[in-house]
Protein backbone atom coordinates (compact mmCIF):
# COMPACT_ATOMS: atom_id res chain seq x y z
CA MET A 1 19.88 -9.48 6.07
CA LEU A 2 17.83 -8.31 3.65
CA ASP A 3 17.42 -4.49 3.13
CA VAL A 4 13.61 -3.51 4.61
CA ARG A 5 13.71 -0.06 2.13
CA ARG A 6 14.61 -2.04 -1.48
CA LEU A 7 11.89 -4.65 0.27
CA VAL A 8 9.14 -2.10 0.28
CA LEU A 9 10.78 -0.89 -3.22
CA LEU A 10 9.68 -4.43 -4.97
CA ARG A 11 6.33 -4.41 -2.97
CA ASP A 12 5.61 -0.87 -3.80
CA LEU A 13 6.35 -2.01 -7.80
CA ASP A 14 4.23 -4.70 -7.76
CA VAL A 15 1.14 -2.73 -6.70
CA HIS A 16 1.92 0.24 -8.68
CA GLY A 17 3.19 -1.52 -11.82
CA THR A 18 6.45 0.39 -12.96
CA VAL A 19 9.63 1.77 -11.88
CA THR A 20 8.27 5.56 -12.67
CA ALA A 21 4.95 4.81 -10.44
CA VAL A 22 7.38 3.81 -7.63
CA ALA A 23 9.70 6.89 -8.22
CA GLU A 24 6.99 9.25 -7.90
CA LEU A 25 5.76 7.72 -4.57
CA HIS A 26 9.03 7.82 -3.13
CA ARG A 27 10.45 10.80 -5.17
CA VAL A 28 13.09 9.58 -6.44
CA THR A 29 14.61 8.83 -9.79
CA PRO A 30 13.48 5.55 -11.55
CA SER A 31 17.30 5.07 -11.93
CA ALA A 32 17.40 4.90 -8.20
CA VAL A 33 14.76 2.81 -7.79
CA SER A 34 15.86 0.54 -10.27
CA GLN A 35 20.03 0.70 -8.98
CA GLN A 36 18.21 -0.61 -5.22
CA LEU A 37 16.13 -3.23 -7.02
CA ARG A 38 19.27 -4.46 -8.60
CA LEU A 39 21.05 -5.09 -5.28
CA LEU A 40 17.71 -6.59 -3.99
CA GLU A 41 18.42 -9.27 -6.24
CA ASP A 42 22.49 -9.48 -5.68
CA GLU A 43 21.23 -9.92 -1.93
CA THR A 44 18.99 -12.80 -2.55
CA ARG A 45 20.87 -14.09 -5.09
CA THR A 46 17.34 -14.71 -6.56
CA ARG A 47 15.82 -13.30 -10.35
CA LEU A 48 12.95 -10.90 -8.81
CA LEU A 49 12.39 -9.06 -12.03
CA GLU A 50 12.02 -9.41 -15.54
CA ARG A 51 13.04 -7.15 -18.13
CA THR A 52 11.17 -6.78 -21.62
CA GLY A 53 12.69 -3.40 -23.74
CA ARG A 54 11.59 -0.56 -21.34
CA SER A 55 9.27 -2.99 -18.94
CA ILE A 56 9.82 -4.57 -15.87
CA HIS A 57 7.68 -7.11 -14.29
CA LEU A 58 8.19 -9.43 -11.20
CA THR A 59 8.65 -13.13 -11.74
CA ALA A 60 7.78 -15.91 -9.44
CA ALA A 61 10.22 -15.73 -7.04
CA GLY A 62 9.55 -11.87 -6.92
CA HIS A 63 5.79 -11.47 -6.36
CA GLN A 64 6.20 -13.92 -3.54
CA LEU A 65 9.19 -11.78 -1.88
CA ALA A 66 6.52 -8.88 -2.38
CA MET A 67 3.84 -10.68 -0.55
CA ASP A 68 5.96 -11.84 2.02
CA THR A 69 7.43 -8.04 2.77
CA GLU A 70 3.70 -7.33 3.23
CA HIS A 71 3.74 -9.56 6.54
CA VAL A 72 7.58 -8.00 7.13
CA LEU A 73 6.00 -4.61 7.16
CA ALA A 74 2.59 -5.52 9.33
CA ALA A 75 5.06 -6.91 11.68
CA LEU A 76 7.21 -3.68 12.23
CA GLU A 77 3.85 -1.53 12.97
CA GLN A 78 2.56 -4.07 15.14
CA ALA A 79 6.07 -3.70 17.37
CA ARG A 80 5.61 -0.43 16.90
CA SER A 81 2.00 0.09 17.74
CA ARG A 82 3.29 -2.03 21.10
CA LEU A 83 5.66 0.57 22.16
CA TYR A 84 3.16 3.53 21.30
CA THR A 85 0.43 1.53 23.11
CA GLY A 86 2.54 1.71 26.65
CA THR A 87 3.21 5.44 26.43
CA GLY A 88 -0.28 6.10 28.01
CA LYS A 89 -3.03 8.79 26.51
CA PRO A 90 -3.40 10.13 22.70
CA SER A 91 -0.55 12.74 22.41
CA GLY A 92 1.00 14.62 19.68
CA PRO A 93 0.70 15.19 16.02
CA LEU A 94 -1.81 12.63 14.08
CA GLN A 95 -2.55 13.03 10.11
CA LEU A 96 -5.62 13.03 8.62
CA ALA A 97 -6.55 12.43 4.86
CA CYS A 98 -9.70 13.03 3.58
CA PHE A 99 -11.67 13.19 0.64
CA PRO A 100 -13.56 16.32 -0.33
CA SER A 101 -17.32 15.69 0.70
CA ALA A 102 -16.29 14.60 4.02
CA LEU A 103 -14.47 17.25 5.09
CA VAL A 104 -17.55 18.74 6.11
CA PRO A 105 -19.72 16.33 7.54
CA LEU A 106 -16.98 14.25 9.25
CA ALA A 107 -13.28 16.06 9.50
CA ALA A 108 -14.69 19.22 10.85
CA PRO A 109 -16.47 18.00 13.40
CA LEU A 110 -13.50 15.25 14.13
CA GLY A 111 -11.38 18.04 14.99
CA ASP A 112 -13.80 19.11 18.01
CA ALA A 113 -14.43 16.06 19.12
CA LEU A 114 -10.43 14.91 19.53
CA GLU A 115 -9.94 18.60 20.89
CA GLY A 116 -12.53 18.02 23.39
CA ALA A 117 -11.37 14.50 24.17
CA HIS A 118 -7.50 14.54 23.96
CA PRO A 119 -5.97 18.00 24.50
CA GLU A 120 -2.78 17.19 23.81
CA LEU A 121 -3.32 15.50 20.20
CA ARG A 122 -3.07 17.77 17.45
CA LEU A 123 -5.03 16.87 13.92
CA HIS A 124 -3.67 17.73 11.06
CA ILE A 125 -6.22 17.29 7.50
CA THR A 126 -5.36 16.81 3.81
CA GLU A 127 -7.68 17.20 1.51
CA ALA A 128 -7.11 13.77 -0.82
CA GLU A 129 -9.04 11.49 -2.93
CA PRO A 130 -8.71 7.80 -1.98
CA GLU A 131 -6.20 7.11 -4.74
CA THR A 132 -4.24 9.90 -3.35
CA ALA A 133 -4.32 9.33 0.31
CA VAL A 134 -3.90 5.55 0.27
CA ARG A 135 -0.72 6.78 -1.55
CA LEU A 136 0.34 9.25 1.40
CA LEU A 137 -0.29 6.21 3.57
CA HIS A 138 2.09 4.23 2.00
CA GLN A 139 4.37 6.92 1.75
CA ARG A 140 3.89 7.24 6.03
CA ARG A 141 2.76 10.73 5.44
CA VAL A 142 -0.45 10.38 6.99
CA ASP A 143 -1.58 8.04 9.44
CA ILE A 144 -5.26 7.41 8.96
CA ALA A 145 -7.29 8.07 5.32
CA LEU A 146 -11.44 8.46 4.40
CA VAL A 147 -11.71 6.86 1.54
CA TYR A 148 -14.80 5.45 -0.70
CA ARG A 149 -15.74 2.92 -2.69
CA TYR A 150 -19.21 2.93 -5.27
CA THR A 151 -20.66 -0.28 -4.87
CA ASN A 152 -22.26 -0.77 -8.17
CA LEU A 153 -18.35 -0.46 -9.27
CA ALA A 154 -16.84 -3.59 -7.66
CA THR A 155 -13.66 -1.48 -6.62
CA PRO A 156 -10.63 -3.64 -5.62
CA PRO A 157 -9.83 -3.29 -1.80
CA HIS A 158 -6.97 -0.71 -1.60
CA PRO A 159 -3.45 -2.93 -1.38
CA GLY A 160 -1.56 -3.08 1.74
CA VAL A 161 -4.04 -1.10 4.22
CA GLU A 162 -6.62 -2.35 6.92
CA THR A 163 -9.91 -0.57 6.44
CA HIS A 164 -12.98 -0.66 8.20
CA VAL A 165 -16.63 0.53 7.12
CA LEU A 166 -18.10 3.82 8.79
CA ARG A 167 -20.93 4.05 6.81
CA THR A 168 -22.79 3.39 3.73
CA ASP A 169 -24.10 6.76 1.47
CA PRO A 170 -26.54 6.00 -1.24
CA LEU A 171 -26.80 8.65 -4.24
CA VAL A 172 -29.68 10.41 -4.23
CA ALA A 173 -31.17 12.62 -7.55
CA VAL A 174 -31.32 16.23 -7.11
CA LEU A 175 -33.65 17.61 -9.77
CA PRO A 176 -35.84 20.43 -9.75
CA SER A 177 -38.87 21.16 -7.09
CA ASP A 178 -41.78 21.21 -9.69
CA HIS A 179 -39.87 18.03 -11.56
CA PRO A 180 -42.77 15.28 -12.13
CA ALA A 181 -40.87 13.18 -10.78
CA ALA A 182 -40.37 14.87 -7.01
CA HIS A 183 -43.74 14.88 -6.53
CA ALA A 184 -43.82 11.75 -4.37
CA GLU A 185 -42.23 13.23 -1.46
CA GLY A 186 -39.76 10.63 0.16
CA SER A 187 -40.72 7.55 -2.16
CA PRO A 188 -38.00 6.13 -4.15
CA ILE A 189 -37.54 7.22 -7.90
CA GLY A 190 -36.74 4.94 -10.42
CA LEU A 191 -34.12 6.30 -12.56
CA ARG A 192 -35.89 5.49 -16.22
CA GLU A 193 -38.14 8.78 -14.94
CA LEU A 194 -34.81 10.93 -15.36
CA ALA A 195 -34.09 9.55 -18.67
CA GLY A 196 -35.47 12.85 -20.76
CA THR A 197 -34.37 15.74 -18.61
CA PRO A 198 -30.41 16.99 -18.91
CA TRP A 199 -27.86 15.51 -16.70
CA ILE A 200 -24.73 16.93 -14.95
CA THR A 201 -22.31 14.33 -13.98
CA ALA A 202 -18.94 13.81 -13.13
CA PRO A 203 -16.59 13.47 -15.83
CA PRO A 204 -15.72 9.74 -17.06
CA GLN A 205 -12.96 7.69 -16.03
CA THR A 206 -13.71 9.21 -12.43
CA ALA A 207 -15.30 7.03 -9.78
CA CYS A 208 -18.95 8.78 -9.29
CA GLY A 209 -18.80 9.49 -13.26
CA ASP A 210 -18.79 6.05 -13.98
CA ALA A 211 -21.14 5.01 -11.10
CA VAL A 212 -23.53 7.03 -12.29
CA LEU A 213 -23.44 6.27 -15.98
CA GLN A 214 -22.91 2.42 -15.23
CA ALA A 215 -26.52 3.02 -13.37
CA CYS A 216 -28.28 4.70 -15.77
CA ARG A 217 -27.49 1.80 -18.60
CA SER A 218 -28.52 -0.77 -16.28
CA ALA A 219 -31.37 0.88 -15.92
CA GLY A 220 -31.97 0.78 -20.10
CA PHE A 221 -30.63 4.26 -21.20
CA THR A 222 -27.51 6.78 -21.22
CA PRO A 223 -27.95 10.09 -19.40
CA GLN A 224 -27.67 13.51 -22.08
CA VAL A 225 -25.09 14.67 -19.98
CA ARG A 226 -24.96 18.75 -20.03
CA HIS A 227 -22.33 19.62 -18.08
CA THR A 228 -19.57 17.44 -16.52
CA CYS A 229 -17.59 18.64 -12.78
CA THR A 230 -16.16 17.19 -10.19
CA ASP A 231 -17.43 19.49 -7.42
CA PHE A 232 -20.31 18.88 -5.76
CA SER A 233 -21.50 21.57 -4.46
CA ALA A 234 -20.56 23.35 -8.15
CA MET A 235 -22.98 20.43 -10.12
CA ILE A 236 -25.98 21.98 -7.39
CA ALA A 237 -25.41 25.25 -8.24
CA LEU A 238 -25.37 24.32 -11.81
CA ALA A 239 -29.13 22.14 -10.96
CA ALA A 240 -30.65 25.18 -9.48
CA SER A 241 -29.86 27.51 -12.40
CA GLY A 242 -30.19 25.21 -14.88
CA GLY A 243 -33.23 22.69 -13.96
CA HIS A 244 -30.70 19.90 -14.67
CA THR A 245 -30.44 16.00 -12.91
CA VAL A 246 -28.24 15.25 -10.45
CA LEU A 247 -27.17 11.89 -9.02
CA ILE A 248 -24.59 12.68 -5.56
CA PRO A 249 -24.17 10.77 -2.91
CA ARG A 250 -26.48 11.87 0.26
CA MET A 251 -23.83 13.34 2.48
CA ALA A 252 -22.95 16.06 -0.09
CA ALA A 253 -26.72 16.62 -0.52
CA ALA A 254 -27.53 18.07 3.01
CA HIS A 255 -27.94 21.81 2.29
CA LEU A 256 -30.32 22.07 -0.94
CA PRO A 257 -31.45 25.53 -2.32
CA PRO A 258 -35.29 25.74 -1.91
CA THR A 259 -35.54 25.29 -5.79
CA LEU A 260 -34.15 21.54 -5.62
CA THR A 261 -34.94 18.47 -4.07
CA ALA A 262 -33.27 15.19 -3.29
CA ARG A 263 -35.04 12.05 -3.63
CA PRO A 264 -33.82 8.49 -3.28
CA VAL A 265 -33.55 6.20 -5.90
CA THR A 266 -34.84 2.55 -6.78
CA ASP A 267 -31.68 1.41 -7.53
CA SER A 268 -30.10 -0.09 -4.19
CA THR A 269 -26.50 -0.74 -5.19
CA LEU A 270 -26.23 3.12 -6.19
CA THR A 271 -24.22 3.89 -3.23
CA ARG A 272 -20.61 4.24 -1.66
CA THR A 273 -19.06 3.10 1.31
CA ILE A 274 -17.15 5.38 3.62
CA GLU A 275 -14.35 3.95 4.88
CA THR A 276 -11.49 4.42 7.37
CA ALA A 277 -8.07 2.80 5.80
CA VAL A 278 -4.65 2.81 8.25
CA ARG A 279 -1.47 1.36 7.66
CA HIS A 280 -1.67 -2.79 9.04
CA GLY A 281 -0.47 -3.24 12.56
CA THR A 282 -1.26 0.68 13.74
CA ALA A 283 -4.93 0.42 14.52
CA HIS A 284 -4.42 0.38 17.93
CA GLU A 285 -1.51 3.09 18.05
CA PRO A 286 -2.85 5.42 21.28
CA ALA A 287 -3.51 8.28 18.73
CA ILE A 288 -4.61 6.88 15.87
CA ALA A 289 -6.95 4.19 17.97
CA ALA A 290 -8.79 7.13 19.76
CA CYS A 291 -9.23 9.13 16.02
CA LEU A 292 -10.92 5.50 14.39
CA THR A 293 -13.47 5.40 17.59
CA ALA A 294 -14.28 9.44 16.83
CA LEU A 295 -14.75 8.37 13.89
CA HIS A 296 -17.13 5.63 14.30
CA THR A 297 -18.86 7.84 17.01
CA LEU A 298 -19.83 10.38 14.35
CA SER A 299 -20.96 7.24 11.69
CA PRO A 300 -23.30 5.53 13.69
CA ASP A 301 -23.89 2.71 11.26
CA GLY A 302 -20.64 1.72 10.29
CA ALA A 303 -18.94 -1.26 12.25
CA ALA A 304 -16.57 -0.98 15.15
CA PRO A 305 -13.09 -1.12 14.18
């Protein structure tokens, strides 16, 4: 019988690409990962890996076994889920990973909702951006992750997890209340109207930064970036003090100082989807199911899990 732990290492190598990344994921040394993969080759009597210099790649047989491993892990999770489903009401610890801008509008009310409905369920929240949150899911250090994807970036689905859309969160233009484009209250604004103003954006190679830059270029200009930062509340503070333009998710623009106003934009692709992510086969475990139900109640425009 094949060692499931070694199969997981092979699957993770297929997903993450390098032995070093797999070693960091599992908190072991790269040599330990390589040794376990060699033992898996011995078990299967099949060449699963190709070594080119210092790089290791999966063979066709290795890719197939990695894909089959997903089905094996899903079946194990489903078996575990069926065991827990019959144990009664939700209880015990539940680990949730949540990205920063969802902590106040989603994670905080979720804690109150679960405490009232399921007093034996103990929620623990860890702040994490989607890439880290999915890694924590794979490591089984969290049970549920709140993640997002920007629509205009066509980000691929997160591998190895089951996701459901909670809500859409369109980006809005936050600009000084005396800006000429702010006068038509409530009507969408074209990004071209903001081309001549100084901007605050997230840094390049971040999802928000890339989404905003792509939207501006699609509108025919490159923004004049004055400041870059990842914290949306800091962007708002900088915009209020300097009269700059910011494009941020509507969820992050709920509370603005009186000197700023938020306007919808005409680019309908400039939005992000907020999703729940769980490991395959775990969605019906009582504690996880209760948390997912509460999250969808807090986000009525999402699809039910």
